[in-house]
Amino acid sequence: MNGNAWERSVRLAEYIIEHHSTVRATAKVFGISKSTVHKDLTERLRKVNPQLYDEARKILDLNKQERHIRGGMATKEKYRSKQNGPY
């Protein structure tokens, strides 16, 4: 396995912990796919740094719990902006 992948997994975890970022937002910042972020955090990081994994996992679990709320707010905003419209 590439040593860069191990290092990347640590950098990703540190970023997520520091910014309380989502997988999607983190992927965008680092210019990689969501799948890569998820694999790095759930598989590689667990082997490299279990303590950091536990901290990152807490953030990922919290994001998963809040996901439906963020989606609902986005939908609400979408229809609110359509209602006000550009006209």
PDB file of N, CA and C in Angstrom:
ATOM      1  N   MET A   1       0.840  -1.179   0.000  1.00  0.00           N
ATOM      2  CA  MET A   1       0.000   0.000   0.000  1.00  0.00           C
ATOM      3  C   MET A   1       0.881   1.237   0.000  1.00  0.00           C
ATOM      4  N   ASN A   2       0.427   2.228  -0.650  1.00  0.00           N
ATOM      5  CA  ASN A   2       1.160   3.480  -0.796  1.00  0.00           C
ATOM      6  C   ASN A   2       1.257   4.213   0.546  1.00  0.00           C
ATOM      7  N   GLY A   3       2.458   4.631   0.907  1.00  0.00           N
ATOM      8  CA  GLY A   3       2.658   5.384   2.144  1.00  0.00           C
ATOM      9  C   GLY A   3       1.893   6.691   2.155  1.00  0.00           C
ATOM     10  N   ASN A   4       1.694   7.259   0.976  1.00  0.00           N
ATOM     11  CA  ASN A   4       0.942   8.510   0.892  1.00  0.00           C
ATOM     12  C   ASN A   4      -0.504   8.337   1.333  1.00  0.00           C
ATOM     13  N   ALA A   5      -1.076   7.174   1.084  1.00  0.00           N
ATOM     14  CA  ALA A   5      -2.459   6.912   1.493  1.00  0.00           C
ATOM     15  C   ALA A   5      -2.569   6.912   3.012  1.00  0.00           C
ATOM     16  N   TRP A   6      -1.579   6.366   3.685  1.00  0.00           N
ATOM     17  CA  TRP A   6      -1.595   6.357   5.157  1.00  0.00           C
ATOM     18  C   TRP A   6      -1.491   7.781   5.689  1.00  0.00           C
ATOM     19  N   GLU A   7      -0.576   8.558   5.104  1.00  0.00           N
ATOM     20  CA  GLU A   7      -0.403   9.949   5.525  1.00  0.00           C
ATOM     21  C   GLU A   7      -1.653  10.767   5.224  1.00  0.00           C
ATOM     22  N   ARG A   8      -2.230  10.518   4.056  1.00  0.00           N
ATOM     23  CA  ARG A   8      -3.446  11.237   3.668  1.00  0.00           C
ATOM     24  C   ARG A   8      -4.579  10.942   4.657  1.00  0.00           C
ATOM     25  N   SER A   9      -4.684   9.698   5.104  1.00  0.00           N
ATOM     26  CA  SER A   9      -5.754   9.348   6.034  1.00  0.00           C
ATOM     27  C   SER A   9      -5.620  10.135   7.337  1.00  0.00           C
ATOM     28  N   VAL A  10      -4.407  10.337   7.789  1.00  0.00           N
ATOM     29  CA  VAL A  10      -4.183  11.123   9.012  1.00  0.00           C
ATOM     30  C   VAL A  10      -4.534  12.591   8.765  1.00  0.00           C
ATOM     31  N   ARG A  11      -4.113  13.136   7.626  1.00  0.00           N
ATOM     32  CA  ARG A  11      -4.431  14.541   7.304  1.00  0.00           C
ATOM     33  C   ARG A  11      -5.938  14.751   7.187  1.00  0.00           C
ATOM     34  N   LEU A  12      -6.622  13.809   6.563  1.00  0.00           N
ATOM     35  CA  LEU A  12      -8.076  13.910   6.421  1.00  0.00           C
ATOM     36  C   LEU A  12      -8.761  13.912   7.787  1.00  0.00           C
ATOM     37  N   ALA A  13      -8.332  13.001   8.645  1.00  0.00           N
ATOM     38  CA  ALA A  13      -8.923  12.916   9.982  1.00  0.00           C
ATOM     39  C   ALA A  13      -8.682  14.197  10.766  1.00  0.00           C
ATOM     40  N   GLU A  14      -7.474  14.711  10.702  1.00  0.00           N
ATOM     41  CA  GLU A  14      -7.168  15.951  11.413  1.00  0.00           C
ATOM     42  C   GLU A  14      -8.028  17.096  10.899  1.00  0.00           C
ATOM     43  N   TYR A  15      -8.231  17.153   9.590  1.00  0.00           N
ATOM     44  CA  TYR A  15      -9.055  18.211   9.006  1.00  0.00           C
ATOM     45  C   TYR A  15     -10.505  18.082   9.479  1.00  0.00           C
ATOM     46  N   ILE A  16     -11.038  16.865   9.438  1.00  0.00           N
ATOM     47  CA  ILE A  16     -12.433  16.649   9.842  1.00  0.00           C
ATOM     48  C   ILE A  16     -12.624  17.005  11.311  1.00  0.00           C
ATOM     49  N   ILE A  17     -11.680  16.624  12.143  1.00  0.00           N
ATOM     50  CA  ILE A  17     -11.786  16.919  13.568  1.00  0.00           C
ATOM     51  C   ILE A  17     -11.688  18.422  13.815  1.00  0.00           C
ATOM     52  N   GLU A  18     -10.743  19.061  13.168  1.00  0.00           N
ATOM     53  CA  GLU A  18     -10.528  20.489  13.379  1.00  0.00           C
ATOM     54  C   GLU A  18     -11.699  21.338  12.883  1.00  0.00           C
ATOM     55  N   HIS A  19     -12.252  20.972  11.730  1.00  0.00           N
ATOM     56  CA  HIS A  19     -13.303  21.787  11.120  1.00  0.00           C
ATOM     57  C   HIS A  19     -14.711  21.214  11.292  1.00  0.00           C
ATOM     58  N   HIS A  20     -14.831  20.081  11.941  1.00  0.00           N
ATOM     59  CA  HIS A  20     -16.124  19.375  12.064  1.00  0.00           C
ATOM     60  C   HIS A  20     -16.775  19.263  10.686  1.00  0.00           C
ATOM     61  N   SER A  21     -15.976  18.868   9.736  1.00  0.00           N
ATOM     62  CA  SER A  21     -16.367  18.825   8.335  1.00  0.00           C
ATOM     63  C   SER A  21     -17.067  17.509   7.983  1.00  0.00           C
ATOM     64  N   THR A  22     -17.854  17.555   6.939  1.00  0.00           N
ATOM     65  CA  THR A  22     -18.475  16.343   6.419  1.00  0.00           C
ATOM     66  C   THR A  22     -17.526  15.656   5.452  1.00  0.00           C
ATOM     67  N   VAL A  23     -17.844  14.417   5.117  1.00  0.00           N
ATOM     68  CA  VAL A  23     -17.024  13.678   4.148  1.00  0.00           C
ATOM     69  C   VAL A  23     -17.041  14.406   2.807  1.00  0.00           C
ATOM     70  N   ARG A  24     -18.202  14.862   2.396  1.00  0.00           N
ATOM     71  CA  ARG A  24     -18.328  15.555   1.110  1.00  0.00           C
ATOM     72  C   ARG A  24     -17.509  16.839   1.072  1.00  0.00           C
ATOM     73  N   ALA A  25     -17.601  17.638   2.122  1.00  0.00           N
ATOM     74  CA  ALA A  25     -16.853  18.897   2.170  1.00  0.00           C
ATOM     75  C   ALA A  25     -15.348  18.635   2.225  1.00  0.00           C
ATOM     76  N   THR A  26     -14.959  17.627   2.966  1.00  0.00           N
ATOM     77  CA  THR A  26     -13.540  17.281   3.065  1.00  0.00           C
ATOM     78  C   THR A  26     -13.007  16.819   1.718  1.00  0.00           C
ATOM     79  N   ALA A  27     -13.778  16.006   1.015  1.00  0.00           N
ATOM     80  CA  ALA A  27     -13.375  15.526  -0.306  1.00  0.00           C
ATOM     81  C   ALA A  27     -13.167  16.701  -1.254  1.00  0.00           C
ATOM     82  N   LYS A  28     -14.038  17.671  -1.170  1.00  0.00           N
ATOM     83  CA  LYS A  28     -13.935  18.844  -2.040  1.00  0.00           C
ATOM     84  C   LYS A  28     -12.664  19.638  -1.744  1.00  0.00           C
ATOM     85  N   VAL A  29     -12.362  19.828  -0.471  1.00  0.00           N
ATOM     86  CA  VAL A  29     -11.171  20.586  -0.069  1.00  0.00           C
ATOM     87  C   VAL A  29      -9.898  19.890  -0.544  1.00  0.00           C
ATOM     88  N   PHE A  30      -9.848  18.565  -0.407  1.00  0.00           N
ATOM     89  CA  PHE A  30      -8.644  17.825  -0.760  1.00  0.00           C
ATOM     90  C   PHE A  30      -8.612  17.397  -2.231  1.00  0.00           C
ATOM     91  N   GLY A  31      -9.702  17.617  -2.947  1.00  0.00           N
ATOM     92  CA  GLY A  31      -9.746  17.285  -4.366  1.00  0.00           C
ATOM     93  C   GLY A  31      -9.736  15.787  -4.644  1.00  0.00           C
ATOM     94  N   ILE A  32     -10.388  15.027  -3.769  1.00  0.00           N
ATOM     95  CA  ILE A  32     -10.495  13.575  -3.953  1.00  0.00           C
ATOM     96  C   ILE A  32     -11.953  13.172  -3.829  1.00  0.00           C
ATOM     97  N   SER A  33     -12.256  11.928  -4.113  1.00  0.00           N
ATOM     98  CA  SER A  33     -13.646  11.483  -4.070  1.00  0.00           C
ATOM     99  C   SER A  33     -14.108  11.201  -2.640  1.00  0.00           C
ATOM    100  N   LYS A  34     -15.427  11.231  -2.462  1.00  0.00           N
ATOM    101  CA  LYS A  34     -16.004  10.905  -1.159  1.00  0.00           C
ATOM    102  C   LYS A  34     -15.659   9.481  -0.771  1.00  0.00           C
ATOM    103  N   SER A  35     -15.626   8.592  -1.754  1.00  0.00           N
ATOM    104  CA  SER A  35     -15.296   7.193  -1.488  1.00  0.00           C
ATOM    105  C   SER A  35     -13.892   7.054  -0.925  1.00  0.00           C
ATOM    106  N   THR A  36     -12.963   7.825  -1.470  1.00  0.00           N
ATOM    107  CA  THR A  36     -11.584   7.779  -0.993  1.00  0.00           C
ATOM    108  C   THR A  36     -11.493   8.296   0.437  1.00  0.00           C
ATOM    109  N   VAL A  37     -12.180   9.390   0.713  1.00  0.00           N
ATOM    110  CA  VAL A  37     -12.181   9.943   2.072  1.00  0.00           C
ATOM    111  C   VAL A  37     -12.735   8.901   3.033  1.00  0.00           C
ATOM    112  N   HIS A  38     -13.852   8.320   2.671  1.00  0.00           N
ATOM    113  CA  HIS A  38     -14.501   7.341   3.548  1.00  0.00           C
ATOM    114  C   HIS A  38     -13.603   6.129   3.781  1.00  0.00           C
ATOM    115  N   LYS A  39     -12.994   5.614   2.719  1.00  0.00           N
ATOM    116  CA  LYS A  39     -12.111   4.451   2.851  1.00  0.00           C
ATOM    117  C   LYS A  39     -10.898   4.785   3.711  1.00  0.00           C
ATOM    118  N   ASP A  40     -10.315   5.956   3.475  1.00  0.00           N
ATOM    119  CA  ASP A  40      -9.153   6.367   4.265  1.00  0.00           C
ATOM    120  C   ASP A  40      -9.497   6.447   5.748  1.00  0.00           C
ATOM    121  N   LEU A  41     -10.656   6.982   6.057  1.00  0.00           N
ATOM    122  CA  LEU A  41     -11.023   7.184   7.449  1.00  0.00           C
ATOM    123  C   LEU A  41     -11.495   5.902   8.132  1.00  0.00           C
ATOM    124  N   THR A  42     -12.195   5.060   7.417  1.00  0.00           N
ATOM    125  CA  THR A  42     -12.772   3.890   8.072  1.00  0.00           C
ATOM    126  C   THR A  42     -11.866   2.666   8.040  1.00  0.00           C
ATOM    127  N   GLU A  43     -11.005   2.557   7.051  1.00  0.00           N
ATOM    128  CA  GLU A  43     -10.148   1.372   6.952  1.00  0.00           C
ATOM    129  C   GLU A  43      -8.692   1.686   7.276  1.00  0.00           C
ATOM    130  N   ARG A  44      -8.119   2.626   6.581  1.00  0.00           N
ATOM    131  CA  ARG A  44      -6.681   2.896   6.752  1.00  0.00           C
ATOM    132  C   ARG A  44      -6.371   3.538   8.095  1.00  0.00           C
ATOM    133  N   LEU A  45      -7.126   4.549   8.457  1.00  0.00           N
ATOM    134  CA  LEU A  45      -6.835   5.285   9.683  1.00  0.00           C
ATOM    135  C   LEU A  45      -6.950   4.380  10.908  1.00  0.00           C
ATOM    136  N   ARG A  46      -7.880   3.475  10.883  1.00  0.00           N
ATOM    137  CA  ARG A  46      -8.074   2.557  12.007  1.00  0.00           C
ATOM    138  C   ARG A  46      -6.789   1.768  12.293  1.00  0.00           C
ATOM    139  N   LYS A  47      -6.068   1.411  11.237  1.00  0.00           N
ATOM    140  CA  LYS A  47      -4.824   0.645  11.388  1.00  0.00           C
ATOM    141  C   LYS A  47      -3.644   1.538  11.760  1.00  0.00           C
ATOM    142  N   VAL A  48      -3.631   2.761  11.235  1.00  0.00           N
ATOM    143  CA  VAL A  48      -2.501   3.670  11.426  1.00  0.00           C
ATOM    144  C   VAL A  48      -2.530   4.345  12.796  1.00  0.00           C
ATOM    145  N   ASN A  49      -3.693   4.880  13.157  1.00  0.00           N
ATOM    146  CA  ASN A  49      -3.801   5.675  14.378  1.00  0.00           C
ATOM    147  C   ASN A  49      -5.187   5.460  14.996  1.00  0.00           C
ATOM    148  N   PRO A  50      -5.352   4.432  15.818  1.00  0.00           N
ATOM    149  CA  PRO A  50      -6.665   4.117  16.392  1.00  0.00           C
ATOM    150  C   PRO A  50      -7.273   5.251  17.223  1.00  0.00           C
ATOM    151  N   GLN A  51      -6.452   6.011  17.928  1.00  0.00           N
ATOM    152  CA  GLN A  51      -6.988   7.115  18.725  1.00  0.00           C
ATOM    153  C   GLN A  51      -7.578   8.205  17.843  1.00  0.00           C
ATOM    154  N   LEU A  52      -6.868   8.554  16.794  1.00  0.00           N
ATOM    155  CA  LEU A  52      -7.356   9.556  15.855  1.00  0.00           C
ATOM    156  C   LEU A  52      -8.608   9.041  15.150  1.00  0.00           C
ATOM    157  N   TYR A  53      -8.618   7.753  14.861  1.00  0.00           N
ATOM    158  CA  TYR A  53      -9.797   7.127  14.244  1.00  0.00           C
ATOM    159  C   TYR A  53     -11.022   7.310  15.139  1.00  0.00           C
ATOM    160  N   ASP A  54     -10.862   7.061  16.433  1.00  0.00           N
ATOM    161  CA  ASP A  54     -11.992   7.191  17.359  1.00  0.00           C
ATOM    162  C   ASP A  54     -12.541   8.617  17.372  1.00  0.00           C
ATOM    163  N   GLU A  55     -11.649   9.604  17.361  1.00  0.00           N
ATOM    164  CA  GLU A  55     -12.085  11.001  17.346  1.00  0.00           C
ATOM    165  C   GLU A  55     -12.811  11.338  16.050  1.00  0.00           C
ATOM    166  N   ALA A  56     -12.243  10.920  14.926  1.00  0.00           N
ATOM    167  CA  ALA A  56     -12.858  11.193  13.622  1.00  0.00           C
ATOM    168  C   ALA A  56     -14.198  10.472  13.500  1.00  0.00           C
ATOM    169  N   ARG A  57     -14.266   9.276  14.033  1.00  0.00           N
ATOM    170  CA  ARG A  57     -15.501   8.478  13.971  1.00  0.00           C
ATOM    171  C   ARG A  57     -16.637   9.192  14.675  1.00  0.00           C
ATOM    172  N   LYS A  58     -16.342   9.860  15.792  1.00  0.00           N
ATOM    173  CA  LYS A  58     -17.371  10.613  16.516  1.00  0.00           C
ATOM    174  C   LYS A  58     -17.966  11.702  15.626  1.00  0.00           C
ATOM    175  N   ILE A  59     -17.107  12.405  14.902  1.00  0.00           N
ATOM    176  CA  ILE A  59     -17.576  13.463  14.000  1.00  0.00           C
ATOM    177  C   ILE A  59     -18.392  12.862  12.862  1.00  0.00           C
ATOM    178  N   LEU A  60     -17.906  11.760  12.282  1.00  0.00           N
ATOM    179  CA  LEU A  60     -18.630  11.116  11.184  1.00  0.00           C
ATOM    180  C   LEU A  60     -19.993  10.624  11.650  1.00  0.00           C
ATOM    181  N   ASP A  61     -20.058  10.058  12.839  1.00  0.00           N
ATOM    182  CA  ASP A  61     -21.337   9.577  13.369  1.00  0.00           C
ATOM    183  C   ASP A  61     -22.302  10.728  13.629  1.00  0.00           C
ATOM    184  N   LEU A  62     -21.787  11.826  14.150  1.00  0.00           N
ATOM    185  CA  LEU A  62     -22.622  13.001  14.388  1.00  0.00           C
ATOM    186  C   LEU A  62     -23.159  13.536  13.061  1.00  0.00           C
ATOM    187  N   ASN A  63     -22.296  13.617  12.058  1.00  0.00           N
ATOM    188  CA  ASN A  63     -22.733  14.084  10.737  1.00  0.00           C
ATOM    189  C   ASN A  63     -23.809  13.180  10.167  1.00  0.00           C
ATOM    190  N   LYS A  64     -23.673  11.892  10.388  1.00  0.00           N
ATOM    191  CA  LYS A  64     -24.667  10.948   9.875  1.00  0.00           C
ATOM    192  C   LYS A  64     -26.013  11.159  10.566  1.00  0.00           C
ATOM    193  N   GLN A  65     -25.979  11.435  11.864  1.00  0.00           N
ATOM    194  CA  GLN A  65     -27.215  11.690  12.604  1.00  0.00           C
ATOM    195  C   GLN A  65     -27.892  12.977  12.139  1.00  0.00           C
ATOM    196  N   GLU A  66     -27.089  13.966  11.769  1.00  0.00           N
ATOM    197  CA  GLU A  66     -27.632  15.269  11.376  1.00  0.00           C
ATOM    198  C   GLU A  66     -27.957  15.359   9.892  1.00  0.00           C
ATOM    199  N   ARG A  67     -27.604  14.358   9.132  1.00  0.00           N
ATOM    200  CA  ARG A  67     -27.741  14.408   7.673  1.00  0.00           C
ATOM    201  C   ARG A  67     -29.169  14.702   7.233  1.00  0.00           C
ATOM    202  N   HIS A  68     -30.142  14.053   7.837  1.00  0.00           N
ATOM    203  CA  HIS A  68     -31.526  14.266   7.418  1.00  0.00           C
ATOM    204  C   HIS A  68     -31.992  15.686   7.733  1.00  0.00           C
ATOM    205  N   ILE A  69     -31.454  16.273   8.781  1.00  0.00           N
ATOM    206  CA  ILE A  69     -31.824  17.644   9.133  1.00  0.00           C
ATOM    207  C   ILE A  69     -31.274  18.623   8.095  1.00  0.00           C
ATOM    208  N   ARG A  70     -29.996  18.443   7.723  1.00  0.00           N
ATOM    209  CA  ARG A  70     -29.396  19.321   6.706  1.00  0.00           C
ATOM    210  C   ARG A  70     -30.133  19.190   5.372  1.00  0.00           C
ATOM    211  N   GLY A  71     -30.514  17.975   5.022  1.00  0.00           N
ATOM    212  CA  GLY A  71     -31.251  17.761   3.776  1.00  0.00           C
ATOM    213  C   GLY A  71     -32.600  18.460   3.800  1.00  0.00           C
ATOM    214  N   GLY A  72     -33.273  18.378   4.936  1.00  0.00           N
ATOM    215  CA  GLY A  72     -34.562  19.047   5.085  1.00  0.00           C
ATOM    216  C   GLY A  72     -34.438  20.553   4.994  1.00  0.00           C
ATOM    217  N   MET A  73     -33.388  21.090   5.578  1.00  0.00           N
ATOM    218  CA  MET A  73     -33.172  22.539   5.521  1.00  0.00           C
ATOM    219  C   MET A  73     -32.853  22.979   4.093  1.00  0.00           C
ATOM    220  N   ALA A  74     -32.094  22.178   3.366  1.00  0.00           N
ATOM    221  CA  ALA A  74     -31.765  22.512   1.976  1.00  0.00           C
ATOM    222  C   ALA A  74     -33.026  22.507   1.120  1.00  0.00           C
ATOM    223  N   THR A  75     -33.886  21.523   1.345  1.00  0.00           N
ATOM    224  CA  THR A  75     -35.139  21.445   0.585  1.00  0.00           C
ATOM    225  C   THR A  75     -36.031  22.632   0.916  1.00  0.00           C
ATOM    226  N   LYS A  76     -36.110  22.974   2.184  1.00  0.00           N
ATOM    227  CA  LYS A  76     -36.921  24.113   2.613  1.00  0.00           C
ATOM    228  C   LYS A  76     -36.435  25.399   1.943  1.00  0.00           C
ATOM    229  N   GLU A  77     -35.127  25.584   1.927  1.00  0.00           N
ATOM    230  CA  GLU A  77     -34.546  26.776   1.305  1.00  0.00           C
ATOM    231  C   GLU A  77     -34.789  26.785  -0.204  1.00  0.00           C
ATOM    232  N   LYS A  78     -34.719  25.622  -0.818  1.00  0.00           N
ATOM    233  CA  LYS A  78     -34.950  25.508  -2.260  1.00  0.00           C
ATOM    234  C   LYS A  78     -36.351  26.003  -2.619  1.00  0.00           C
ATOM    235  N   TYR A  79     -37.341  25.557  -1.872  1.00  0.00           N
ATOM    236  CA  TYR A  79     -38.710  25.951  -2.188  1.00  0.00           C
ATOM    237  C   TYR A  79     -39.002  27.377  -1.750  1.00  0.00           C
ATOM    238  N   ARG A  80     -38.322  27.844  -0.732  1.00  0.00           N
ATOM    239  CA  ARG A  80     -38.496  29.226  -0.305  1.00  0.00           C
ATOM    240  C   ARG A  80     -37.974  30.165  -1.394  1.00  0.00           C
ATOM    241  N   SER A  81     -36.819  29.829  -1.985  1.00  0.00           N
ATOM    242  CA  SER A  81     -36.265  30.684  -3.029  1.00  0.00           C
ATOM    243  C   SER A  81     -37.108  30.629  -4.307  1.00  0.00           C
ATOM    244  N   LYS A  82     -37.723  29.475  -4.587  1.00  0.00           N
ATOM    245  CA  LYS A  82     -38.607  29.378  -5.751  1.00  0.00           C
ATOM    246  C   LYS A  82     -39.854  30.222  -5.547  1.00  0.00           C
ATOM    247  N   GLN A  83     -40.329  30.266  -4.307  1.00  0.00           N
ATOM    248  CA  GLN A  83     -41.521  31.011  -3.998  1.00  0.00           C
ATOM    249  C   GLN A  83     -41.298  32.517  -4.191  1.00  0.00           C
ATOM    250  N   ASN A  84     -40.139  32.992  -3.754  1.00  0.00           N
ATOM    251  CA  ASN A  84     -39.809  34.413  -3.894  1.00  0.00           C
ATOM    252  C   ASN A  84     -39.413  34.727  -5.336  1.00  0.00           C
ATOM    253  N   GLY A  85     -38.788  33.768  -5.984  1.00  0.00           N
ATOM    254  CA  GLY A  85     -38.462  33.850  -7.395  1.00  0.00           C
ATOM    255  C   GLY A  85     -37.694  35.077  -7.839  1.00  0.00           C
ATOM    256  N   PRO A  86     -37.208  35.028  -9.044  1.00  0.00           N
ATOM    257  CA  PRO A  86     -36.424  36.144  -9.585  1.00  0.00           C
ATOM    258  C   PRO A  86     -37.313  37.244 -10.149  1.00  0.00           C
ATOM    259  N   TYR A  87     -38.641  37.061 -10.165  1.00  0.00           N
ATOM    260  CA  TYR A  87     -39.544  38.030 -10.805  1.00  0.00           C
ATOM    261  C   TYR A  87     -40.093  39.024  -9.834  1.00  0.00           C
TER     262      TYR A  87
END
